[in-house]
Amino acid sequence: MERTSIRLGGVALNSTVMNASGPHSAEKGEIVELSARHSGAIVFKSCNIAGLETPDNLKNRGVEHFAAIARELETRGKAIIGSVVGNTDDEIVKVATVLDRADVKIIELNLADDYVQNSVAPFANLERLKAIVGRVRGEVQAALAVKVPLKLGMEPRAIAEVFKSLRVAIAVCANDLPKDLEVDLATGVAKGPRRTLSQVHAFYQASEGLLDVVAVGGINGGRDAYVAHLTGAKAVQVGSALIKEGAGALGRIDGELDSLLSENGKGAVAEIVGQLRFAN
């Protein structure tokens, strides 16, 4: 749908809506089904070099399994986002390099997962973050995204500055909006005083528009996506709805978002990104 198309990290995508890494994104059959049912980007399940049996949320067949699928889908013009984990710096760099050579358009470093945090502590301090992300940036040509943990010991602005200095194009952040948040979609106005509403909102503000932000969590319908875009998300990742409904959830949410854009007189989703205002 033309209204929901976007450029993320410089990569043209047919929709701002995509799957989150994990659900329906590990085996070839389910990835192909996602690709067939939705025109937007496909996010692979996070992978390491040889594959993992545990923890369950990272169970995967290894990077070569995903690289082969990426090469096949690339010939069909599909935008692929490869997600990377590892328990050493060397492994993370190696996995990212293999995906890059398979023509993955965006590489997501999943530095938020406990498996990675407990192994390489990427967010222990800014220098540690620079070291690991900098090594990957020096080896790959694809647009680079970093998934940020919800609990941070550093200010979003400091992390955003590191990302910008290393040419990280995308921050993948939690869409942890208050449950009682009220937003008028017609005006883009939120009730209450000016405040930071979510990690997405914080990173959008901290980067002053120089980072593209992807929202993860709480995207169950088109309205959820619309509000996430208003708070600064350039794209949204869907998890729970995909588990409940299957591959059709992505197209449903995309269609609902498209309808809301039309109802509110918007010709493109880019017109609402970061446009949230406050009543007070």
C-alpha atoms as a PDB file:
ATOM      1  CA  MET A   1       0.000   0.000   0.000  1.00  0.00           C
ATOM      2  CA  GLU A   2       1.546   3.238  -1.157  1.00  0.00           C
ATOM      3  CA  ARG A   3       0.556   5.262   1.913  1.00  0.00           C
ATOM      4  CA  THR A   4       2.389   2.868   4.268  1.00  0.00           C
ATOM      5  CA  SER A   5       5.622   2.625   2.284  1.00  0.00           C
ATOM      6  CA  ILE A   6       8.742   4.134   3.851  1.00  0.00           C
ATOM      7  CA  ARG A   7      12.522   4.375   3.627  1.00  0.00           C
ATOM      8  CA  LEU A   8      14.192   2.772   6.653  1.00  0.00           C
ATOM      9  CA  GLY A   9      17.915   3.350   6.993  1.00  0.00           C
ATOM     10  CA  GLY A  10      17.862   4.413   3.363  1.00  0.00           C
ATOM     11  CA  VAL A  11      16.237   1.144   2.258  1.00  0.00           C
ATOM     12  CA  ALA A  12      12.907   1.409   0.443  1.00  0.00           C
ATOM     13  CA  LEU A  13      10.211  -0.755   2.075  1.00  0.00           C
ATOM     14  CA  ASN A  14       6.700  -1.389   0.812  1.00  0.00           C
ATOM     15  CA  SER A  15       5.267  -1.088   4.313  1.00  0.00           C
ATOM     16  CA  THR A  16       6.251   0.206   7.720  1.00  0.00           C
ATOM     17  CA  VAL A  17       4.791  -2.982   9.215  1.00  0.00           C
ATOM     18  CA  MET A  18       7.023  -6.036   9.617  1.00  0.00           C
ATOM     19  CA  ASN A  19       7.361  -9.081  11.835  1.00  0.00           C
ATOM     20  CA  ALA A  20       9.471  -8.992  14.969  1.00  0.00           C
ATOM     21  CA  SER A  21      12.454 -11.314  15.031  1.00  0.00           C
ATOM     22  CA  GLY A  22      11.265 -14.642  16.436  1.00  0.00           C
ATOM     23  CA  PRO A  23       7.656 -15.557  15.564  1.00  0.00           C
ATOM     24  CA  HIS A  24       7.281 -17.369  12.234  1.00  0.00           C
ATOM     25  CA  SER A  25      10.777 -16.392  11.130  1.00  0.00           C
ATOM     26  CA  ALA A  26      13.049 -19.384  11.811  1.00  0.00           C
ATOM     27  CA  GLU A  27      12.127 -22.059   9.276  1.00  0.00           C
ATOM     28  CA  LYS A  28      12.152 -21.638   5.512  1.00  0.00           C
ATOM     29  CA  GLY A  29       8.497 -22.570   5.072  1.00  0.00           C
ATOM     30  CA  GLU A  30       7.195 -19.990   7.513  1.00  0.00           C
ATOM     31  CA  ILE A  31       9.527 -17.306   6.170  1.00  0.00           C
ATOM     32  CA  VAL A  32       8.342 -17.975   2.625  1.00  0.00           C
ATOM     33  CA  GLU A  33       4.733 -17.793   3.827  1.00  0.00           C
ATOM     34  CA  LEU A  34       5.378 -14.429   5.487  1.00  0.00           C
ATOM     35  CA  SER A  35       6.977 -13.224   2.279  1.00  0.00           C
ATOM     36  CA  ALA A  36       4.002 -14.345   0.206  1.00  0.00           C
ATOM     37  CA  ARG A  37       1.352 -12.900   2.550  1.00  0.00           C
ATOM     38  CA  HIS A  38       2.875  -9.463   3.137  1.00  0.00           C
ATOM     39  CA  SER A  39       4.706  -7.053   0.856  1.00  0.00           C
ATOM     40  CA  GLY A  40       6.809  -5.489   3.602  1.00  0.00           C
ATOM     41  CA  ALA A  41      10.239  -6.480   4.881  1.00  0.00           C
ATOM     42  CA  ILE A  42      10.862  -9.851   6.525  1.00  0.00           C
ATOM     43  CA  VAL A  43      12.899 -10.007   9.733  1.00  0.00           C
ATOM     44  CA  PHE A  44      14.761 -13.279  10.265  1.00  0.00           C
ATOM     45  CA  LYS A  45      14.956 -14.881  13.680  1.00  0.00           C
ATOM     46  CA  SER A  46      18.150 -13.884  15.471  1.00  0.00           C
ATOM     47  CA  CYS A  47      20.930 -16.282  14.566  1.00  0.00           C
ATOM     48  CA  ASN A  48      24.485 -17.149  15.534  1.00  0.00           C
ATOM     49  CA  ILE A  49      27.153 -19.084  13.626  1.00  0.00           C
ATOM     50  CA  ALA A  50      26.320 -22.730  14.325  1.00  0.00           C
ATOM     51  CA  GLY A  51      22.766 -22.464  15.631  1.00  0.00           C
ATOM     52  CA  LEU A  52      21.307 -22.819  19.108  1.00  0.00           C
ATOM     53  CA  GLU A  53      18.946 -25.231  20.860  1.00  0.00           C
ATOM     54  CA  THR A  54      18.629 -23.041  23.947  1.00  0.00           C
ATOM     55  CA  PRO A  55      17.410 -20.554  24.998  1.00  0.00           C
ATOM     56  CA  ASP A  56      14.169 -21.298  23.175  1.00  0.00           C
ATOM     57  CA  ASN A  57      13.648 -17.719  22.012  1.00  0.00           C
ATOM     58  CA  LEU A  58      16.959 -17.949  20.098  1.00  0.00           C
ATOM     59  CA  LYS A  59      16.618 -21.510  18.798  1.00  0.00           C
ATOM     60  CA  ASN A  60      17.917 -21.380  15.225  1.00  0.00           C
ATOM     61  CA  ARG A  61      19.711 -23.417  12.543  1.00  0.00           C
ATOM     62  CA  GLY A  62      22.694 -21.097  12.181  1.00  0.00           C
ATOM     63  CA  VAL A  63      23.587 -18.229   9.906  1.00  0.00           C
ATOM     64  CA  GLU A  64      24.187 -20.257   6.726  1.00  0.00           C
ATOM     65  CA  HIS A  65      20.568 -21.471   6.891  1.00  0.00           C
ATOM     66  CA  PHE A  66      19.348 -17.871   6.845  1.00  0.00           C
ATOM     67  CA  ALA A  67      21.908 -16.697   4.298  1.00  0.00           C
ATOM     68  CA  ALA A  68      20.613 -19.294   1.821  1.00  0.00           C
ATOM     69  CA  ILE A  69      17.020 -18.125   2.315  1.00  0.00           C
ATOM     70  CA  ALA A  70      18.089 -14.489   1.970  1.00  0.00           C
ATOM     71  CA  ARG A  71      19.781 -15.177  -1.371  1.00  0.00           C
ATOM     72  CA  GLU A  72      16.644 -16.916  -2.656  1.00  0.00           C
ATOM     73  CA  LEU A  73      14.263 -14.170  -1.545  1.00  0.00           C
ATOM     74  CA  GLU A  74      16.551 -11.426  -2.811  1.00  0.00           C
ATOM     75  CA  THR A  75      16.029 -12.691  -6.352  1.00  0.00           C
ATOM     76  CA  ARG A  76      12.306 -12.039  -5.798  1.00  0.00           C
ATOM     77  CA  GLY A  77      12.972  -8.447  -4.749  1.00  0.00           C
ATOM     78  CA  LYS A  78      12.167  -9.038  -1.092  1.00  0.00           C
ATOM     79  CA  ALA A  79      13.709  -6.750   1.540  1.00  0.00           C
ATOM     80  CA  ILE A  80      15.305  -8.883   4.250  1.00  0.00           C
ATOM     81  CA  ILE A  81      16.442  -7.843   7.720  1.00  0.00           C
ATOM     82  CA  GLY A  82      18.920 -10.283   9.252  1.00  0.00           C
ATOM     83  CA  SER A  83      19.128 -10.416  13.046  1.00  0.00           C
ATOM     84  CA  VAL A  84      22.430 -11.240  14.762  1.00  0.00           C
ATOM     85  CA  VAL A  85      23.383 -12.698  18.122  1.00  0.00           C
ATOM     86  CA  GLY A  86      26.569 -14.241  19.471  1.00  0.00           C
ATOM     87  CA  ASN A  87      28.461 -14.902  22.689  1.00  0.00           C
ATOM     88  CA  THR A  88      31.695 -13.248  21.563  1.00  0.00           C
ATOM     89  CA  ASP A  89      32.550 -10.139  19.584  1.00  0.00           C
ATOM     90  CA  ASP A  90      34.143 -12.307  16.906  1.00  0.00           C
ATOM     91  CA  GLU A  91      30.982 -14.376  16.487  1.00  0.00           C
ATOM     92  CA  ILE A  92      28.758 -11.323  16.153  1.00  0.00           C
ATOM     93  CA  VAL A  93      31.055  -9.845  13.500  1.00  0.00           C
ATOM     94  CA  LYS A  94      31.213 -13.164  11.612  1.00  0.00           C
ATOM     95  CA  VAL A  95      27.433 -13.640  11.554  1.00  0.00           C
ATOM     96  CA  ALA A  96      26.879 -10.076  10.376  1.00  0.00           C
ATOM     97  CA  THR A  97      29.454 -10.551   7.617  1.00  0.00           C
ATOM     98  CA  VAL A  98      27.832 -13.750   6.322  1.00  0.00           C
ATOM     99  CA  LEU A  99      24.419 -12.056   6.172  1.00  0.00           C
ATOM    100  CA  ASP A 100      25.917  -9.021   4.473  1.00  0.00           C
ATOM    101  CA  ARG A 101      27.413 -11.207   1.743  1.00  0.00           C
ATOM    102  CA  ALA A 102      23.977 -12.784   1.240  1.00  0.00           C
ATOM    103  CA  ASP A 103      22.671  -9.325   0.242  1.00  0.00           C
ATOM    104  CA  VAL A 104      20.582  -8.765   3.360  1.00  0.00           C
ATOM    105  CA  LYS A 105      19.441  -5.129   3.133  1.00  0.00           C
ATOM    106  CA  ILE A 106      19.493  -4.343   6.851  1.00  0.00           C
ATOM    107  CA  ILE A 107      21.456  -6.085   9.607  1.00  0.00           C
ATOM    108  CA  GLU A 108      19.977  -5.893  13.092  1.00  0.00           C
ATOM    109  CA  LEU A 109      22.408  -6.465  15.949  1.00  0.00           C
ATOM    110  CA  ASN A 110      20.216  -7.945  18.654  1.00  0.00           C
ATOM    111  CA  LEU A 111      22.227  -6.569  21.557  1.00  0.00           C
ATOM    112  CA  ALA A 112      19.132  -6.446  23.765  1.00  0.00           C
ATOM    113  CA  ASP A 113      18.774 -10.194  24.349  1.00  0.00           C
ATOM    114  CA  ASP A 114      19.969 -11.577  27.696  1.00  0.00           C
ATOM    115  CA  TYR A 115      22.082 -14.180  25.857  1.00  0.00           C
ATOM    116  CA  VAL A 116      24.165 -11.402  24.315  1.00  0.00           C
ATOM    117  CA  GLN A 117      24.117  -9.078  27.293  1.00  0.00           C
ATOM    118  CA  ASN A 118      25.349 -11.804  29.643  1.00  0.00           C
ATOM    119  CA  SER A 119      28.105 -12.820  27.214  1.00  0.00           C
ATOM    120  CA  VAL A 120      29.546  -9.638  25.754  1.00  0.00           C
ATOM    121  CA  ALA A 121      27.936  -6.850  27.840  1.00  0.00           C
ATOM    122  CA  PRO A 122      27.539  -4.433  24.936  1.00  0.00           C
ATOM    123  CA  PHE A 123      25.840  -1.778  27.058  1.00  0.00           C
ATOM    124  CA  ALA A 124      28.232  -1.940  30.005  1.00  0.00           C
ATOM    125  CA  ASN A 125      29.512   1.491  28.993  1.00  0.00           C
ATOM    126  CA  LEU A 126      29.819   3.655  25.904  1.00  0.00           C
ATOM    127  CA  GLU A 127      33.318   2.455  25.047  1.00  0.00           C
ATOM    128  CA  ARG A 128      32.174  -1.168  25.074  1.00  0.00           C
ATOM    129  CA  LEU A 129      29.269  -0.280  22.815  1.00  0.00           C
ATOM    130  CA  LYS A 130      31.574   1.574  20.433  1.00  0.00           C
ATOM    131  CA  ALA A 131      33.979  -1.363  20.294  1.00  0.00           C
ATOM    132  CA  ILE A 132      31.508  -4.045  19.290  1.00  0.00           C
ATOM    133  CA  VAL A 133      29.306  -1.969  16.984  1.00  0.00           C
ATOM    134  CA  GLY A 134      32.347  -0.321  15.433  1.00  0.00           C
ATOM    135  CA  ARG A 135      33.837  -3.687  14.488  1.00  0.00           C
ATOM    136  CA  VAL A 136      30.646  -4.720  12.722  1.00  0.00           C
ATOM    137  CA  ARG A 137      30.299  -1.367  10.965  1.00  0.00           C
ATOM    138  CA  GLY A 138      33.837  -1.762   9.627  1.00  0.00           C
ATOM    139  CA  GLU A 139      33.011  -5.133   8.019  1.00  0.00           C
ATOM    140  CA  VAL A 140      29.542  -4.774   6.485  1.00  0.00           C
ATOM    141  CA  GLN A 141      27.968  -2.659   3.777  1.00  0.00           C
ATOM    142  CA  ALA A 142      24.303  -3.182   4.696  1.00  0.00           C
ATOM    143  CA  ALA A 143      22.339  -0.606   6.654  1.00  0.00           C
ATOM    144  CA  LEU A 144      22.945  -1.262  10.351  1.00  0.00           C
ATOM    145  CA  ALA A 145      20.349  -1.449  13.121  1.00  0.00           C
ATOM    146  CA  VAL A 146      20.894  -2.030  16.839  1.00  0.00           C
ATOM    147  CA  LYS A 147      18.220  -3.461  19.123  1.00  0.00           C
ATOM    148  CA  VAL A 148      18.369  -1.631  22.450  1.00  0.00           C
ATOM    149  CA  PRO A 149      17.518  -3.246  25.820  1.00  0.00           C
ATOM    150  CA  LEU A 150      14.637  -1.720  27.745  1.00  0.00           C
ATOM    151  CA  LYS A 151      16.714  -1.185  30.868  1.00  0.00           C
ATOM    152  CA  LEU A 152      19.669   1.085  30.199  1.00  0.00           C
ATOM    153  CA  GLY A 153      22.335   2.492  32.483  1.00  0.00           C
ATOM    154  CA  MET A 154      23.094   5.291  30.025  1.00  0.00           C
ATOM    155  CA  GLU A 155      21.124   8.198  28.651  1.00  0.00           C
ATOM    156  CA  PRO A 156      19.452   7.681  25.275  1.00  0.00           C
ATOM    157  CA  ARG A 157      21.154  10.816  23.950  1.00  0.00           C
ATOM    158  CA  ALA A 158      24.621   9.401  24.676  1.00  0.00           C
ATOM    159  CA  ILE A 159      23.763   6.126  22.955  1.00  0.00           C
ATOM    160  CA  ALA A 160      22.241   7.960  20.007  1.00  0.00           C
ATOM    161  CA  GLU A 161      25.458   9.952  19.596  1.00  0.00           C
ATOM    162  CA  VAL A 162      27.479   6.716  19.501  1.00  0.00           C
ATOM    163  CA  PHE A 163      25.138   5.285  16.886  1.00  0.00           C
ATOM    164  CA  LYS A 164      25.360   8.380  14.723  1.00  0.00           C
ATOM    165  CA  SER A 165      29.160   8.454  14.968  1.00  0.00           C
ATOM    166  CA  LEU A 166      29.347   4.819  13.776  1.00  0.00           C
ATOM    167  CA  ARG A 167      26.810   5.266  10.967  1.00  0.00           C
ATOM    168  CA  VAL A 168      24.212   3.093  12.649  1.00  0.00           C
ATOM    169  CA  ALA A 169      21.070   4.067  10.779  1.00  0.00           C
ATOM    170  CA  ILE A 170      18.381   2.424  12.907  1.00  0.00           C
ATOM    171  CA  ALA A 171      17.610   1.991  16.606  1.00  0.00           C
ATOM    172  CA  VAL A 172      15.135  -0.792  17.446  1.00  0.00           C
ATOM    173  CA  CYS A 173      13.374   0.293  20.641  1.00  0.00           C
ATOM    174  CA  ALA A 174      10.599  -0.720  23.016  1.00  0.00           C
ATOM    175  CA  ASN A 175       7.139   0.662  22.316  1.00  0.00           C
ATOM    176  CA  ASP A 176       6.405   0.780  26.050  1.00  0.00           C
ATOM    177  CA  LEU A 177       3.649   3.386  25.973  1.00  0.00           C
ATOM    178  CA  PRO A 178       1.512   4.082  29.068  1.00  0.00           C
ATOM    179  CA  LYS A 179      -1.616   1.931  29.063  1.00  0.00           C
ATOM    180  CA  ASP A 180      -3.805   4.957  29.799  1.00  0.00           C
ATOM    181  CA  LEU A 181      -2.380   7.098  26.992  1.00  0.00           C
ATOM    182  CA  GLU A 182      -5.072   8.941  25.027  1.00  0.00           C
ATOM    183  CA  VAL A 183      -4.226  10.319  21.583  1.00  0.00           C
ATOM    184  CA  ASP A 184      -6.517  12.086  19.130  1.00  0.00           C
ATOM    185  CA  LEU A 185      -5.402  10.709  15.775  1.00  0.00           C
ATOM    186  CA  ALA A 186      -7.052  13.528  13.831  1.00  0.00           C
ATOM    187  CA  THR A 187      -4.924  16.171  15.548  1.00  0.00           C
ATOM    188  CA  GLY A 188      -1.992  14.080  16.783  1.00  0.00           C
ATOM    189  CA  VAL A 189      -2.504  15.491  20.282  1.00  0.00           C
ATOM    190  CA  ALA A 190      -1.924  13.428  23.426  1.00  0.00           C
ATOM    191  CA  LYS A 191      -3.749  14.260  26.642  1.00  0.00           C
ATOM    192  CA  GLY A 192      -1.680  15.549  29.523  1.00  0.00           C
ATOM    193  CA  PRO A 193       1.569  17.475  29.931  1.00  0.00           C
ATOM    194  CA  ARG A 194       4.606  17.223  27.677  1.00  0.00           C
ATOM    195  CA  ARG A 195       6.623  14.134  28.623  1.00  0.00           C
ATOM    196  CA  THR A 196       8.608  11.219  27.209  1.00  0.00           C
ATOM    197  CA  LEU A 197       6.175   8.424  26.493  1.00  0.00           C
ATOM    198  CA  SER A 198       8.305   5.422  25.540  1.00  0.00           C
ATOM    199  CA  GLN A 199      11.782   4.284  24.633  1.00  0.00           C
ATOM    200  CA  VAL A 200      10.848   4.891  20.995  1.00  0.00           C
ATOM    201  CA  HIS A 201       9.878   8.464  21.843  1.00  0.00           C
ATOM    202  CA  ALA A 202      13.055   8.988  23.883  1.00  0.00           C
ATOM    203  CA  PHE A 203      15.374   7.841  21.092  1.00  0.00           C
ATOM    204  CA  TYR A 204      13.497   9.817  18.457  1.00  0.00           C
ATOM    205  CA  GLN A 205      13.925  12.965  20.531  1.00  0.00           C
ATOM    206  CA  ALA A 206      17.521  12.170  21.500  1.00  0.00           C
ATOM    207  CA  SER A 207      18.665  11.609  17.924  1.00  0.00           C
ATOM    208  CA  GLU A 208      16.970  14.790  16.655  1.00  0.00           C
ATOM    209  CA  GLY A 209      15.623  12.878  13.677  1.00  0.00           C
ATOM    210  CA  LEU A 210      19.015  11.566  12.536  1.00  0.00           C
ATOM    211  CA  LEU A 211      18.241   7.981  13.567  1.00  0.00           C
ATOM    212  CA  ASP A 212      15.368   5.936  12.207  1.00  0.00           C
ATOM    213  CA  VAL A 213      13.549   4.293  15.111  1.00  0.00           C
ATOM    214  CA  VAL A 214      11.685   0.980  14.931  1.00  0.00           C
ATOM    215  CA  ALA A 215       9.002   0.255  17.545  1.00  0.00           C
ATOM    216  CA  VAL A 216       8.722  -3.240  19.043  1.00  0.00           C
ATOM    217  CA  GLY A 217       5.887  -4.314  21.336  1.00  0.00           C
ATOM    218  CA  GLY A 218       2.208  -3.529  21.653  1.00  0.00           C
ATOM    219  CA  ILE A 219       1.442  -3.367  17.934  1.00  0.00           C
ATOM    220  CA  ASN A 220      -1.820  -5.283  17.683  1.00  0.00           C
ATOM    221  CA  GLY A 221      -3.709  -3.106  15.235  1.00  0.00           C
ATOM    222  CA  GLY A 222      -3.490  -0.176  12.873  1.00  0.00           C
ATOM    223  CA  ARG A 223      -4.197   2.339  15.616  1.00  0.00           C
ATOM    224  CA  ASP A 224      -1.261   1.030  17.664  1.00  0.00           C
ATOM    225  CA  ALA A 225       0.980   1.463  14.631  1.00  0.00           C
ATOM    226  CA  TYR A 226      -0.368   4.974  13.981  1.00  0.00           C
ATOM    227  CA  VAL A 227       0.356   6.091  17.563  1.00  0.00           C
ATOM    228  CA  ALA A 228       3.842   4.536  17.459  1.00  0.00           C
ATOM    229  CA  HIS A 229       4.556   6.501  14.278  1.00  0.00           C
ATOM    230  CA  LEU A 230       3.357   9.699  15.928  1.00  0.00           C
ATOM    231  CA  THR A 231       5.839   9.140  18.782  1.00  0.00           C
ATOM    232  CA  GLY A 232       8.716   8.829  16.310  1.00  0.00           C
ATOM    233  CA  ALA A 233       8.743   5.270  14.964  1.00  0.00           C
ATOM    234  CA  LYS A 234       9.670   4.998  11.287  1.00  0.00           C
ATOM    235  CA  ALA A 235       8.568   1.342  11.265  1.00  0.00           C
ATOM    236  CA  VAL A 236       6.887  -1.149  13.602  1.00  0.00           C
ATOM    237  CA  GLN A 237       7.563  -4.806  14.388  1.00  0.00           C
ATOM    238  CA  VAL A 238       4.702  -7.175  15.204  1.00  0.00           C
ATOM    239  CA  GLY A 239       5.122 -10.128  17.575  1.00  0.00           C
ATOM    240  CA  SER A 240       2.118 -11.187  19.677  1.00  0.00           C
ATOM    241  CA  ALA A 241      -0.492 -10.610  16.960  1.00  0.00           C
ATOM    242  CA  LEU A 242       1.596 -12.701  14.563  1.00  0.00           C
ATOM    243  CA  ILE A 243       1.716 -15.567  17.071  1.00  0.00           C
ATOM    244  CA  LYS A 244      -2.055 -15.404  17.610  1.00  0.00           C
ATOM    245  CA  GLU A 245      -3.205 -14.904  14.010  1.00  0.00           C
ATOM    246  CA  GLY A 246      -0.415 -16.166  11.803  1.00  0.00           C
ATOM    247  CA  ALA A 247       1.041 -14.434   8.769  1.00  0.00           C
ATOM    248  CA  GLY A 248      -2.196 -12.614   7.976  1.00  0.00           C
ATOM    249  CA  ALA A 249      -1.716 -10.302  10.970  1.00  0.00           C
ATOM    250  CA  LEU A 250       0.836  -8.210   9.106  1.00  0.00           C
ATOM    251  CA  GLY A 251      -1.461  -7.488   6.180  1.00  0.00           C
ATOM    252  CA  ARG A 252      -4.369  -6.751   8.519  1.00  0.00           C
ATOM    253  CA  ILE A 253      -2.392  -4.195  10.518  1.00  0.00           C
ATOM    254  CA  ASP A 254      -0.957  -2.667   7.340  1.00  0.00           C
ATOM    255  CA  GLY A 255      -4.486  -2.318   5.914  1.00  0.00           C
ATOM    256  CA  GLU A 256      -5.824  -0.754   9.105  1.00  0.00           C
ATOM    257  CA  LEU A 257      -2.935   1.717   9.191  1.00  0.00           C
ATOM    258  CA  ASP A 258      -3.546   2.620   5.565  1.00  0.00           C
ATOM    259  CA  SER A 259      -7.237   3.262   6.280  1.00  0.00           C
ATOM    260  CA  LEU A 260      -6.441   5.495   9.263  1.00  0.00           C
ATOM    261  CA  LEU A 261      -3.987   7.522   7.192  1.00  0.00           C
ATOM    262  CA  SER A 262      -6.666   8.021   4.558  1.00  0.00           C
ATOM    263  CA  GLU A 263      -9.329   8.939   7.129  1.00  0.00           C
ATOM    264  CA  ASN A 264      -7.032  11.589   8.612  1.00  0.00           C
ATOM    265  CA  GLY A 265      -6.072  13.112   5.282  1.00  0.00           C
ATOM    266  CA  LYS A 266      -2.514  11.756   5.167  1.00  0.00           C
ATOM    267  CA  GLY A 267      -1.001  10.743   1.860  1.00  0.00           C
ATOM    268  CA  ALA A 268       1.973   8.936   3.407  1.00  0.00           C
ATOM    269  CA  VAL A 269       2.994   7.557   6.781  1.00  0.00           C
ATOM    270  CA  ALA A 270       6.079   9.803   6.687  1.00  0.00           C
ATOM    271  CA  GLU A 271       3.727  12.749   7.312  1.00  0.00           C
ATOM    272  CA  ILE A 272       2.953  11.560  10.853  1.00  0.00           C
ATOM    273  CA  VAL A 273       6.334  10.264  12.050  1.00  0.00           C
ATOM    274  CA  GLY A 274       7.316  12.204  15.172  1.00  0.00           C
ATOM    275  CA  GLN A 275       4.372  14.600  14.883  1.00  0.00           C
ATOM    276  CA  LEU A 276       2.862  13.882  18.302  1.00  0.00           C
ATOM    277  CA  ARG A 277       1.940  17.001  20.279  1.00  0.00           C
ATOM    278  CA  PHE A 278       0.680  17.477  23.828  1.00  0.00           C
ATOM    279  CA  ALA A 279      -2.458  19.156  25.098  1.00  0.00           C
ATOM    280  CA  ASN A 280      -0.602  21.026  27.857  1.00  0.00           C
END
